[in-house]
Amino acid sequence: MPEHHEPHVVPVTVYVAVFAALLLGTLLTVEAARHDFGGLNSLIALGIAFTKASLVVLFFMHLRYSSRLTWLVFASGFVLLAILIFITASDYVSRGWLGNPGT
């Protein structure tokens, strides 16, 4: 017998709180761009962006209230992204070993 799933109703206060957190994240992004953190600039920007993207996916796209299969599909996308970033980074790092072909 198939399971019957009721739609999940999210209170408006949750959406308002997430929206406020996204606005705060935007302000943090602007302030972080105005300061020089040296080698941590990219890490700070990615951390803020990851947090904001997580809020959007969890609450506005309702992943938080989804089934385990949806979580699995979402996680597999992140695993694929990590593999692609690793392959790209390994190619970028290894390019210095080849030398200049014009010399």
PDB file of N, CA and C in Angstrom:
ATOM      1  N   MET A   1       0.842  -1.173   0.000  1.00  0.00           N
ATOM      2  CA  MET A   1       0.000   0.000   0.000  1.00  0.00           C
ATOM      3  C   MET A   1       0.895   1.247   0.000  1.00  0.00           C
ATOM      4  N   PRO A   2       0.688   2.166  -0.913  1.00  0.00           N
ATOM      5  CA  PRO A   2       1.536   3.356  -0.966  1.00  0.00           C
ATOM      6  C   PRO A   2       1.298   4.273   0.231  1.00  0.00           C
ATOM      7  N   GLU A   3       2.376   4.926   0.649  1.00  0.00           N
ATOM      8  CA  GLU A   3       2.266   5.867   1.761  1.00  0.00           C
ATOM      9  C   GLU A   3       1.616   7.152   1.283  1.00  0.00           C
ATOM     10  N   HIS A   4       0.858   7.757   2.159  1.00  0.00           N
ATOM     11  CA  HIS A   4       0.246   9.039   1.832  1.00  0.00           C
ATOM     12  C   HIS A   4       0.985  10.120   2.612  1.00  0.00           C
ATOM     13  N   HIS A   5       1.512  11.102   1.887  1.00  0.00           N
ATOM     14  CA  HIS A   5       2.270  12.182   2.521  1.00  0.00           C
ATOM     15  C   HIS A   5       1.426  13.442   2.537  1.00  0.00           C
ATOM     16  N   GLU A   6       1.304  14.007   3.723  1.00  0.00           N
ATOM     17  CA  GLU A   6       0.613  15.284   3.864  1.00  0.00           C
ATOM     18  C   GLU A   6       1.573  16.404   3.505  1.00  0.00           C
ATOM     19  N   PRO A   7       1.099  17.464   2.882  1.00  0.00           N
ATOM     20  CA  PRO A   7       1.994  18.602   2.616  1.00  0.00           C
ATOM     21  C   PRO A   7       2.390  19.271   3.925  1.00  0.00           C
ATOM     22  N   HIS A   8       3.639  19.702   3.957  1.00  0.00           N
ATOM     23  CA  HIS A   8       4.137  20.335   5.178  1.00  0.00           C
ATOM     24  C   HIS A   8       3.885  21.836   5.093  1.00  0.00           C
ATOM     25  N   VAL A   9       3.225  22.372   6.099  1.00  0.00           N
ATOM     26  CA  VAL A   9       2.931  23.799   6.143  1.00  0.00           C
ATOM     27  C   VAL A   9       3.958  24.459   7.046  1.00  0.00           C
ATOM     28  N   VAL A  10       4.697  25.392   6.483  1.00  0.00           N
ATOM     29  CA  VAL A  10       5.730  26.106   7.231  1.00  0.00           C
ATOM     30  C   VAL A  10       5.149  27.437   7.687  1.00  0.00           C
ATOM     31  N   PRO A  11       5.310  27.765   8.966  1.00  0.00           N
ATOM     32  CA  PRO A  11       4.797  29.048   9.446  1.00  0.00           C
ATOM     33  C   PRO A  11       5.508  30.227   8.775  1.00  0.00           C
ATOM     34  N   VAL A  12       4.793  31.323   8.636  1.00  0.00           N
ATOM     35  CA  VAL A  12       5.351  32.511   8.001  1.00  0.00           C
ATOM     36  C   VAL A  12       6.531  33.043   8.809  1.00  0.00           C
ATOM     37  N   THR A  13       6.521  32.862  10.109  1.00  0.00           N
ATOM     38  CA  THR A  13       7.624  33.363  10.946  1.00  0.00           C
ATOM     39  C   THR A  13       8.945  32.693  10.579  1.00  0.00           C
ATOM     40  N   VAL A  14       8.900  31.443  10.137  1.00  0.00           N
ATOM     41  CA  VAL A  14      10.120  30.763   9.712  1.00  0.00           C
ATOM     42  C   VAL A  14      10.673  31.426   8.455  1.00  0.00           C
ATOM     43  N   TYR A  15       9.792  31.722   7.508  1.00  0.00           N
ATOM     44  CA  TYR A  15      10.229  32.392   6.285  1.00  0.00           C
ATOM     45  C   TYR A  15      10.790  33.779   6.573  1.00  0.00           C
ATOM     46  N   VAL A  16      10.167  34.498   7.490  1.00  0.00           N
ATOM     47  CA  VAL A  16      10.652  35.841   7.847  1.00  0.00           C
ATOM     48  C   VAL A  16      12.017  35.747   8.518  1.00  0.00           C
ATOM     49  N   ALA A  17      12.189  34.759   9.398  1.00  0.00           N
ATOM     50  CA  ALA A  17      13.482  34.584  10.072  1.00  0.00           C
ATOM     51  C   ALA A  17      14.581  34.206   9.074  1.00  0.00           C
ATOM     52  N   VAL A  18      14.264  33.330   8.137  1.00  0.00           N
ATOM     53  CA  VAL A  18      15.248  32.942   7.125  1.00  0.00           C
ATOM     54  C   VAL A  18      15.571  34.138   6.223  1.00  0.00           C
ATOM     55  N   PHE A  19      14.567  34.917   5.865  1.00  0.00           N
ATOM     56  CA  PHE A  19      14.796  36.107   5.054  1.00  0.00           C
ATOM     57  C   PHE A  19      15.692  37.097   5.795  1.00  0.00           C
ATOM     58  N   ALA A  20      15.443  37.278   7.088  1.00  0.00           N
ATOM     59  CA  ALA A  20      16.288  38.177   7.885  1.00  0.00           C
ATOM     60  C   ALA A  20      17.723  37.650   7.947  1.00  0.00           C
ATOM     61  N   ALA A  21      17.879  36.340   8.069  1.00  0.00           N
ATOM     62  CA  ALA A  21      19.226  35.748   8.099  1.00  0.00           C
ATOM     63  C   ALA A  21      19.921  35.930   6.753  1.00  0.00           C
ATOM     64  N   LEU A  22      19.169  35.834   5.656  1.00  0.00           N
ATOM     65  CA  LEU A  22      19.752  36.057   4.339  1.00  0.00           C
ATOM     66  C   LEU A  22      20.169  37.517   4.150  1.00  0.00           C
ATOM     67  N   LEU A  23      19.369  38.433   4.664  1.00  0.00           N
ATOM     68  CA  LEU A  23      19.749  39.850   4.613  1.00  0.00           C
ATOM     69  C   LEU A  23      21.008  40.101   5.434  1.00  0.00           C
ATOM     70  N   LEU A  24      21.079  39.493   6.607  1.00  0.00           N
ATOM     71  CA  LEU A  24      22.278  39.613   7.435  1.00  0.00           C
ATOM     72  C   LEU A  24      23.487  39.022   6.721  1.00  0.00           C
ATOM     73  N   GLY A  25      23.290  37.910   6.040  1.00  0.00           N
ATOM     74  CA  GLY A  25      24.376  37.306   5.275  1.00  0.00           C
ATOM     75  C   GLY A  25      24.836  38.199   4.137  1.00  0.00           C
ATOM     76  N   THR A  26      23.906  38.889   3.518  1.00  0.00           N
ATOM     77  CA  THR A  26      24.268  39.827   2.458  1.00  0.00           C
ATOM     78  C   THR A  26      25.079  40.988   3.022  1.00  0.00           C
ATOM     79  N   LEU A  27      24.661  41.505   4.163  1.00  0.00           N
ATOM     80  CA  LEU A  27      25.434  42.575   4.812  1.00  0.00           C
ATOM     81  C   LEU A  27      26.826  42.090   5.202  1.00  0.00           C
ATOM     82  N   LEU A  28      26.923  40.856   5.693  1.00  0.00           N
ATOM     83  CA  LEU A  28      28.226  40.282   6.026  1.00  0.00           C
ATOM     84  C   LEU A  28      29.102  40.149   4.777  1.00  0.00           C
ATOM     85  N   THR A  29      28.488  39.780   3.666  1.00  0.00           N
ATOM     86  CA  THR A  29      29.235  39.664   2.422  1.00  0.00           C
ATOM     87  C   THR A  29      29.801  41.010   1.992  1.00  0.00           C
ATOM     88  N   VAL A  30      28.986  42.053   2.087  1.00  0.00           N
ATOM     89  CA  VAL A  30      29.434  43.391   1.706  1.00  0.00           C
ATOM     90  C   VAL A  30      30.556  43.860   2.630  1.00  0.00           C
ATOM     91  N   GLU A  31      30.393  43.655   3.932  1.00  0.00           N
ATOM     92  CA  GLU A  31      31.426  44.074   4.883  1.00  0.00           C
ATOM     93  C   GLU A  31      32.710  43.267   4.709  1.00  0.00           C
ATOM     94  N   ALA A  32      32.586  41.996   4.425  1.00  0.00           N
ATOM     95  CA  ALA A  32      33.778  41.168   4.213  1.00  0.00           C
ATOM     96  C   ALA A  32      34.524  41.600   2.962  1.00  0.00           C
ATOM     97  N   ALA A  33      33.788  42.083   1.964  1.00  0.00           N
ATOM     98  CA  ALA A  33      34.431  42.538   0.734  1.00  0.00           C
ATOM     99  C   ALA A  33      35.200  43.841   0.948  1.00  0.00           C
ATOM    100  N   ARG A  34      34.820  44.604   1.949  1.00  0.00           N
ATOM    101  CA  ARG A  34      35.484  45.879   2.224  1.00  0.00           C
ATOM    102  C   ARG A  34      36.773  45.718   3.025  1.00  0.00           C
ATOM    103  N   HIS A  35      36.987  44.568   3.610  1.00  0.00           N
ATOM    104  CA  HIS A  35      38.168  44.340   4.441  1.00  0.00           C
ATOM    105  C   HIS A  35      39.108  43.357   3.759  1.00  0.00           C
ATOM    106  N   ASP A  36      40.378  43.489   4.076  1.00  0.00           N
ATOM    107  CA  ASP A  36      41.372  42.567   3.529  1.00  0.00           C
ATOM    108  C   ASP A  36      41.761  41.569   4.613  1.00  0.00           C
ATOM    109  N   PHE A  37      41.420  40.339   4.412  1.00  0.00           N
ATOM    110  CA  PHE A  37      41.739  39.275   5.367  1.00  0.00           C
ATOM    111  C   PHE A  37      42.907  38.421   4.893  1.00  0.00           C
ATOM    112  N   GLY A  38      43.615  38.896   3.914  1.00  0.00           N
ATOM    113  CA  GLY A  38      44.759  38.162   3.394  1.00  0.00           C
ATOM    114  C   GLY A  38      44.315  36.909   2.653  1.00  0.00           C
ATOM    115  N   GLY A  39      44.918  35.796   3.041  1.00  0.00           N
ATOM    116  CA  GLY A  39      44.605  34.520   2.405  1.00  0.00           C
ATOM    117  C   GLY A  39      43.244  33.965   2.782  1.00  0.00           C
ATOM    118  N   LEU A  40      42.590  34.565   3.762  1.00  0.00           N
ATOM    119  CA  LEU A  40      41.287  34.061   4.196  1.00  0.00           C
ATOM    120  C   LEU A  40      40.109  34.677   3.447  1.00  0.00           C
ATOM    121  N   ASN A  41      40.374  35.604   2.527  1.00  0.00           N
ATOM    122  CA  ASN A  41      39.284  36.271   1.803  1.00  0.00           C
ATOM    123  C   ASN A  41      38.354  35.265   1.132  1.00  0.00           C
ATOM    124  N   SER A  42      38.919  34.349   0.384  1.00  0.00           N
ATOM    125  CA  SER A  42      38.094  33.367  -0.340  1.00  0.00           C
ATOM    126  C   SER A  42      37.365  32.445   0.626  1.00  0.00           C
ATOM    127  N   LEU A  43      38.031  32.034   1.682  1.00  0.00           N
ATOM    128  CA  LEU A  43      37.413  31.125   2.648  1.00  0.00           C
ATOM    129  C   LEU A  43      36.225  31.788   3.345  1.00  0.00           C
ATOM    130  N   ILE A  44      36.378  33.043   3.718  1.00  0.00           N
ATOM    131  CA  ILE A  44      35.279  33.763   4.373  1.00  0.00           C
ATOM    132  C   ILE A  44      34.116  33.947   3.409  1.00  0.00           C
ATOM    133  N   ALA A  45      34.403  34.348   2.173  1.00  0.00           N
ATOM    134  CA  ALA A  45      33.341  34.543   1.184  1.00  0.00           C
ATOM    135  C   ALA A  45      32.610  33.238   0.889  1.00  0.00           C
ATOM    136  N   LEU A  46      33.352  32.145   0.755  1.00  0.00           N
ATOM    137  CA  LEU A  46      32.716  30.851   0.505  1.00  0.00           C
ATOM    138  C   LEU A  46      31.896  30.377   1.698  1.00  0.00           C
ATOM    139  N   GLY A  47      32.369  30.653   2.897  1.00  0.00           N
ATOM    140  CA  GLY A  47      31.612  30.276   4.093  1.00  0.00           C
ATOM    141  C   GLY A  47      30.280  30.996   4.184  1.00  0.00           C
ATOM    142  N   ILE A  48      30.293  32.294   3.900  1.00  0.00           N
ATOM    143  CA  ILE A  48      29.055  33.066   3.909  1.00  0.00           C
ATOM    144  C   ILE A  48      28.128  32.582   2.799  1.00  0.00           C
ATOM    145  N   ALA A  49      28.670  32.357   1.617  1.00  0.00           N
ATOM    146  CA  ALA A  49      27.854  31.898   0.488  1.00  0.00           C
ATOM    147  C   ALA A  49      27.263  30.517   0.749  1.00  0.00           C
ATOM    148  N   PHE A  50      28.045  29.629   1.346  1.00  0.00           N
ATOM    149  CA  PHE A  50      27.547  28.283   1.660  1.00  0.00           C
ATOM    150  C   PHE A  50      26.411  28.357   2.672  1.00  0.00           C
ATOM    151  N   THR A  51      26.558  29.220   3.674  1.00  0.00           N
ATOM    152  CA  THR A  51      25.512  29.365   4.684  1.00  0.00           C
ATOM    153  C   THR A  51      24.220  29.891   4.063  1.00  0.00           C
ATOM    154  N   LYS A  52      24.336  30.907   3.223  1.00  0.00           N
ATOM    155  CA  LYS A  52      23.148  31.463   2.586  1.00  0.00           C
ATOM    156  C   LYS A  52      22.502  30.452   1.641  1.00  0.00           C
ATOM    157  N   ALA A  53      23.304  29.733   0.878  1.00  0.00           N
ATOM    158  CA  ALA A  53      22.754  28.720  -0.028  1.00  0.00           C
ATOM    159  C   ALA A  53      22.070  27.593   0.749  1.00  0.00           C
ATOM    160  N   SER A  54      22.647  27.231   1.883  1.00  0.00           N
ATOM    161  CA  SER A  54      22.037  26.180   2.712  1.00  0.00           C
ATOM    162  C   SER A  54      20.671  26.613   3.233  1.00  0.00           C
ATOM    163  N   LEU A  55      20.562  27.868   3.656  1.00  0.00           N
ATOM    164  CA  LEU A  55      19.268  28.368   4.127  1.00  0.00           C
ATOM    165  C   LEU A  55      18.225  28.338   3.014  1.00  0.00           C
ATOM    166  N   VAL A  56      18.607  28.746   1.822  1.00  0.00           N
ATOM    167  CA  VAL A  56      17.676  28.744   0.696  1.00  0.00           C
ATOM    168  C   VAL A  56      17.229  27.326   0.375  1.00  0.00           C
ATOM    169  N   VAL A  57      18.180  26.402   0.299  1.00  0.00           N
ATOM    170  CA  VAL A  57      17.838  25.022  -0.061  1.00  0.00           C
ATOM    171  C   VAL A  57      17.004  24.360   1.032  1.00  0.00           C
ATOM    172  N   LEU A  58      17.378  24.554   2.281  1.00  0.00           N
ATOM    173  CA  LEU A  58      16.666  23.882   3.374  1.00  0.00           C
ATOM    174  C   LEU A  58      15.246  24.394   3.565  1.00  0.00           C
ATOM    175  N   PHE A  59      15.058  25.709   3.507  1.00  0.00           N
ATOM    176  CA  PHE A  59      13.752  26.249   3.856  1.00  0.00           C
ATOM    177  C   PHE A  59      12.911  26.656   2.643  1.00  0.00           C
ATOM    178  N   PHE A  60      13.474  27.413   1.704  1.00  0.00           N
ATOM    179  CA  PHE A  60      12.670  27.856   0.571  1.00  0.00           C
ATOM    180  C   PHE A  60      12.426  26.739  -0.427  1.00  0.00           C
ATOM    181  N   MET A  61      13.354  25.794  -0.526  1.00  0.00           N
ATOM    182  CA  MET A  61      13.156  24.664  -1.434  1.00  0.00           C
ATOM    183  C   MET A  61      12.634  23.432  -0.683  1.00  0.00           C
ATOM    184  N   HIS A  62      12.364  23.582   0.600  1.00  0.00           N
ATOM    185  CA  HIS A  62      11.733  22.569   1.455  1.00  0.00           C
ATOM    186  C   HIS A  62      12.525  21.267   1.567  1.00  0.00           C
ATOM    187  N   LEU A  63      13.825  21.330   1.434  1.00  0.00           N
ATOM    188  CA  LEU A  63      14.616  20.107   1.585  1.00  0.00           C
ATOM    189  C   LEU A  63      14.558  19.597   3.025  1.00  0.00           C
ATOM    190  N   ARG A  64      14.439  20.504   3.968  1.00  0.00           N
ATOM    191  CA  ARG A  64      14.399  20.096   5.375  1.00  0.00           C
ATOM    192  C   ARG A  64      13.231  19.157   5.662  1.00  0.00           C
ATOM    193  N   TYR A  65      12.157  19.311   4.931  1.00  0.00           N
ATOM    194  CA  TYR A  65      10.953  18.523   5.181  1.00  0.00           C
ATOM    195  C   TYR A  65      10.759  17.424   4.137  1.00  0.00           C
ATOM    196  N   SER A  66      11.780  17.151   3.337  1.00  0.00           N
ATOM    197  CA  SER A  66      11.664  16.171   2.257  1.00  0.00           C
ATOM    198  C   SER A  66      12.033  14.772   2.724  1.00  0.00           C
ATOM    199  N   SER A  67      11.813  13.821   1.841  1.00  0.00           N
ATOM    200  CA  SER A  67      12.104  12.418   2.145  1.00  0.00           C
ATOM    201  C   SER A  67      13.614  12.159   2.088  1.00  0.00           C
ATOM    202  N   ARG A  68      14.001  10.993   2.546  1.00  0.00           N
ATOM    203  CA  ARG A  68      15.419  10.617   2.528  1.00  0.00           C
ATOM    204  C   ARG A  68      15.953  10.461   1.110  1.00  0.00           C
ATOM    205  N   LEU A  69      15.099  10.073   0.201  1.00  0.00           N
ATOM    206  CA  LEU A  69      15.532   9.942  -1.193  1.00  0.00           C
ATOM    207  C   LEU A  69      15.913  11.303  -1.767  1.00  0.00           C
ATOM    208  N   THR A  70      15.157  12.330  -1.435  1.00  0.00           N
ATOM    209  CA  THR A  70      15.491  13.677  -1.904  1.00  0.00           C
ATOM    210  C   THR A  70      16.811  14.131  -1.304  1.00  0.00           C
ATOM    211  N   TRP A  71      17.037  13.824  -0.028  1.00  0.00           N
ATOM    212  CA  TRP A  71      18.314  14.156   0.618  1.00  0.00           C
ATOM    213  C   TRP A  71      19.464  13.420  -0.075  1.00  0.00           C
ATOM    214  N   LEU A  72      19.234  12.180  -0.458  1.00  0.00           N
ATOM    215  CA  LEU A  72      20.265  11.393  -1.134  1.00  0.00           C
ATOM    216  C   LEU A  72      20.616  11.994  -2.495  1.00  0.00           C
ATOM    217  N   VAL A  73      19.607  12.409  -3.246  1.00  0.00           N
ATOM    218  CA  VAL A  73      19.851  13.030  -4.546  1.00  0.00           C
ATOM    219  C   VAL A  73      20.616  14.336  -4.359  1.00  0.00           C
ATOM    220  N   PHE A  74      20.230  15.122  -3.386  1.00  0.00           N
ATOM    221  CA  PHE A  74      20.918  16.385  -3.107  1.00  0.00           C
ATOM    222  C   PHE A  74      22.368  16.133  -2.702  1.00  0.00           C
ATOM    223  N   ALA A  75      22.597  15.168  -1.823  1.00  0.00           N
ATOM    224  CA  ALA A  75      23.956  14.868  -1.368  1.00  0.00           C
ATOM    225  C   ALA A  75      24.810  14.321  -2.511  1.00  0.00           C
ATOM    226  N   SER A  76      24.214  13.526  -3.392  1.00  0.00           N
ATOM    227  CA  SER A  76      24.994  12.994  -4.516  1.00  0.00           C
ATOM    228  C   SER A  76      25.432  14.115  -5.450  1.00  0.00           C
ATOM    229  N   GLY A  77      24.629  15.145  -5.574  1.00  0.00           N
ATOM    230  CA  GLY A  77      25.030  16.308  -6.356  1.00  0.00           C
ATOM    231  C   GLY A  77      26.242  16.998  -5.759  1.00  0.00           C
ATOM    232  N   PHE A  78      26.275  17.102  -4.433  1.00  0.00           N
ATOM    233  CA  PHE A  78      27.431  17.699  -3.774  1.00  0.00           C
ATOM    234  C   PHE A  78      28.669  16.828  -3.904  1.00  0.00           C
ATOM    235  N   VAL A  79      28.500  15.522  -3.866  1.00  0.00           N
ATOM    236  CA  VAL A  79      29.641  14.620  -4.046  1.00  0.00           C
ATOM    237  C   VAL A  79      30.206  14.782  -5.458  1.00  0.00           C
ATOM    238  N   LEU A  80      29.337  14.856  -6.447  1.00  0.00           N
ATOM    239  CA  LEU A  80      29.790  15.065  -7.820  1.00  0.00           C
ATOM    240  C   LEU A  80      30.505  16.411  -7.951  1.00  0.00           C
ATOM    241  N   LEU A  81      29.969  17.449  -7.337  1.00  0.00           N
ATOM    242  CA  LEU A  81      30.619  18.754  -7.366  1.00  0.00           C
ATOM    243  C   LEU A  81      32.000  18.696  -6.726  1.00  0.00           C
ATOM    244  N   ALA A  82      32.127  17.993  -5.603  1.00  0.00           N
ATOM    245  CA  ALA A  82      33.427  17.860  -4.941  1.00  0.00           C
ATOM    246  C   ALA A  82      34.429  17.126  -5.825  1.00  0.00           C
ATOM    247  N   ILE A  83      33.971  16.095  -6.512  1.00  0.00           N
ATOM    248  CA  ILE A  83      34.858  15.362  -7.423  1.00  0.00           C
ATOM    249  C   ILE A  83      35.330  16.267  -8.549  1.00  0.00           C
ATOM    250  N   LEU A  84      34.432  17.036  -9.138  1.00  0.00           N
ATOM    251  CA  LEU A  84      34.804  17.931 -10.226  1.00  0.00           C
ATOM    252  C   LEU A  84      35.765  19.024  -9.756  1.00  0.00           C
ATOM    253  N   ILE A  85      35.541  19.559  -8.572  1.00  0.00           N
ATOM    254  CA  ILE A  85      36.455  20.569  -8.033  1.00  0.00           C
ATOM    255  C   ILE A  85      37.822  19.953  -7.761  1.00  0.00           C
ATOM    256  N   PHE A  86      37.848  18.735  -7.241  1.00  0.00           N
ATOM    257  CA  PHE A  86      39.121  18.062  -6.980  1.00  0.00           C
ATOM    258  C   PHE A  86      39.891  17.824  -8.283  1.00  0.00           C
ATOM    259  N   ILE A  87      39.202  17.374  -9.316  1.00  0.00           N
ATOM    260  CA  ILE A  87      39.865  17.132 -10.601  1.00  0.00           C
ATOM    261  C   ILE A  87      40.400  18.435 -11.180  1.00  0.00           C
ATOM    262  N   THR A  88      39.605  19.490 -11.113  1.00  0.00           N
ATOM    263  CA  THR A  88      40.043  20.788 -11.622  1.00  0.00           C
ATOM    264  C   THR A  88      41.231  21.312 -10.831  1.00  0.00           C
ATOM    265  N   ALA A  89      41.176  21.197  -9.508  1.00  0.00           N
ATOM    266  CA  ALA A  89      42.285  21.676  -8.675  1.00  0.00           C
ATOM    267  C   ALA A  89      43.556  20.873  -8.923  1.00  0.00           C
ATOM    268  N   SER A  90      43.441  19.576  -9.112  1.00  0.00           N
ATOM    269  CA  SER A  90      44.636  18.768  -9.362  1.00  0.00           C
ATOM    270  C   SER A  90      45.249  19.116 -10.713  1.00  0.00           C
ATOM    271  N   ASP A  91      44.427  19.441 -11.694  1.00  0.00           N
ATOM    272  CA  ASP A  91      44.952  19.877 -12.987  1.00  0.00           C
ATOM    273  C   ASP A  91      45.654  21.220 -12.840  1.00  0.00           C
ATOM    274  N   TYR A  92      45.072  22.122 -12.108  1.00  0.00           N
ATOM    275  CA  TYR A  92      45.656  23.456 -11.919  1.00  0.00           C
ATOM    276  C   TYR A  92      46.995  23.375 -11.189  1.00  0.00           C
ATOM    277  N   VAL A  93      47.068  22.537 -10.159  1.00  0.00           N
ATOM    278  CA  VAL A  93      48.303  22.401  -9.375  1.00  0.00           C
ATOM    279  C   VAL A  93      49.402  21.745 -10.205  1.00  0.00           C
ATOM    280  N   SER A  94      49.053  20.799 -11.061  1.00  0.00           N
ATOM    281  CA  SER A  94      50.071  20.060 -11.804  1.00  0.00           C
ATOM    282  C   SER A  94      50.592  20.813 -13.025  1.00  0.00           C
ATOM    283  N   ARG A  95      50.008  21.912 -13.399  1.00  0.00           N
ATOM    284  CA  ARG A  95      50.442  22.622 -14.607  1.00  0.00           C
ATOM    285  C   ARG A  95      51.834  23.216 -14.468  1.00  0.00           C
ATOM    286  N   GLY A  96      52.292  23.548 -13.285  1.00  0.00           N
ATOM    287  CA  GLY A  96      53.618  24.105 -13.095  1.00  0.00           C
ATOM    288  C   GLY A  96      54.715  23.103 -13.374  1.00  0.00           C
ATOM    289  N   TRP A  97      54.408  21.810 -13.311  1.00  0.00           N
ATOM    290  CA  TRP A  97      55.410  20.762 -13.495  1.00  0.00           C
ATOM    291  C   TRP A  97      55.772  20.609 -14.971  1.00  0.00           C
ATOM    292  N   LEU A  98      54.916  21.060 -15.871  1.00  0.00           N
ATOM    293  CA  LEU A  98      55.148  20.845 -17.291  1.00  0.00           C
ATOM    294  C   LEU A  98      56.184  21.792 -17.882  1.00  0.00           C
ATOM    295  N   GLY A  99      56.376  22.934 -17.251  1.00  0.00           N
ATOM    296  CA  GLY A  99      57.319  23.895 -17.794  1.00  0.00           C
ATOM    297  C   GLY A  99      56.712  24.667 -18.938  1.00  0.00           C
ATOM    298  N   ASN A 100      57.475  25.561 -19.508  1.00  0.00           N
ATOM    299  CA  ASN A 100      57.023  26.358 -20.633  1.00  0.00           C
ATOM    300  C   ASN A 100      57.393  25.658 -21.945  1.00  0.00           C
ATOM    301  N   PRO A 101      56.447  25.365 -22.811  1.00  0.00           N
ATOM    302  CA  PRO A 101      56.801  24.691 -24.061  1.00  0.00           C
ATOM    303  C   PRO A 101      57.575  25.597 -25.017  1.00  0.00           C
ATOM    304  N   GLY A 102      57.523  26.921 -24.822  1.00  0.00           N
ATOM    305  CA  GLY A 102      58.226  27.825 -25.712  1.00  0.00           C
ATOM    306  C   GLY A 102      59.690  27.998 -25.393  1.00  0.00           C
ATOM    307  N   THR A 103      60.175  27.462 -24.284  1.00  0.00           N
ATOM    308  CA  THR A 103      61.583  27.649 -23.905  1.00  0.00           C
ATOM    309  C   THR A 103      62.439  26.490 -24.318  1.00  0.00           C
TER     310      THR A 103
END
